[in-house]
């Protein structure tokens, strides 16, 4: 496996020097190739789906795993969207001249080799590969064994395009070991790997963060909240909450806890109960919630849980302060939203809630690199350094200083 990483490192030195027009050409060819070979991808995906069902994986995980014509088209479109972005490599961030005549430029450069560890979603394979390639990096990908056949097929299609363009296929590579030992080995290879991005379950993130010798940017769990304030438009609030929970419950930007102001609980809770139950959502509520609607009682564990399923916990809060305190205690710093017609309350929520993405009168489901205009994302960082929120090509670069002189020496 060390030989694999040596080859990836060598490839990164080549991708770092590629011009923007070359990268765009190759990304568009990769998109065409994914669509051209969609039947091959779907056949490989069927094997993974069969494995997932036999392993009794949850319906949410199986949904993440599924690839069909629509999703493969979306993968291809993501590559085309990435290709349209302005090349970050070589961009001058700042520049100045010192009194002694030295001219300094601060410029963007690729990070190098990016290791990405992820579970289930095989579309991440092409998204991550495309973003790393456009930002001049090489990538070593570690997908879950449940998506092994899909990932191998996607990588082979992308590598074929690289080879056709006389570039090293190792610029986009899969680690050959799908076990936990493979993860343990990869995150200790600081000689070859410059950044690790884990995205998956809480246990995976914790393991990588605690054991990696390589710098880590976490795609942590998405324990997202929507707070319905007393000045909310209740019909709009129902619509937003339904979308945040139901539109795709198995993803990290779906709402897991609904916070409801006590002053509108009597009006709002029956409405949201009817709407959620019509969508097949199981509701769990605090003791005060149970005084208004007949649902299962929530436990302390529920406030900590990212369900990734059609389950929603509901908590009655006294006011804005109480809502923010709950988010500070239980939130994961991912995405949180307030529904209100009160401008000053909205601004206070935006300014005080310390999450990567904070919304007013909108669903948390918009936290997504593609939606934000990044083409795709390698993850949604809940770190504060060096990147936060959906990570696109700019977040896969670092910088260096170029200093131009004409014989200056330091006294």
Foldseek 3Di string as FASTA:
>chain_A
DVVLLVLLQVLLVVLQPDDLVVLLVLLLVLLVLLLVCVVQLQVLLVVLLVVCVVVVPDPLLSVLQDDDNVNSNLLSQLSNLLSPDDQQFFDFPDWDADPVGKTKTKGWTFLEEEEEEEERHLSLLSNVLSQQSSLSYAYEYAYAPSNVSNNVVSLVSSLVSCVVVVGHSSSRYYDPDNDVVSVLVVQAPVVRHAEYEYDYAQVVQVVSVVRGPHHYFYQYAQAEEEEEAPQFPLVLVLVQLCCLCQVQLQDRLRHAEYEYEPNCLLPRLVVNVVSLVVSVAAEEEDPVNCVRDPHHHDDPVSLQDSPSDRYHYYYYAHHLVRVLVSCVVRGLQAEYEYGHPDVVSQVVQVVRRRHLYYYYSHHSVCQFCVSVSQSGASHAGSDVPPDHTGHGNVNSIDIDMDIDDDDDDDD
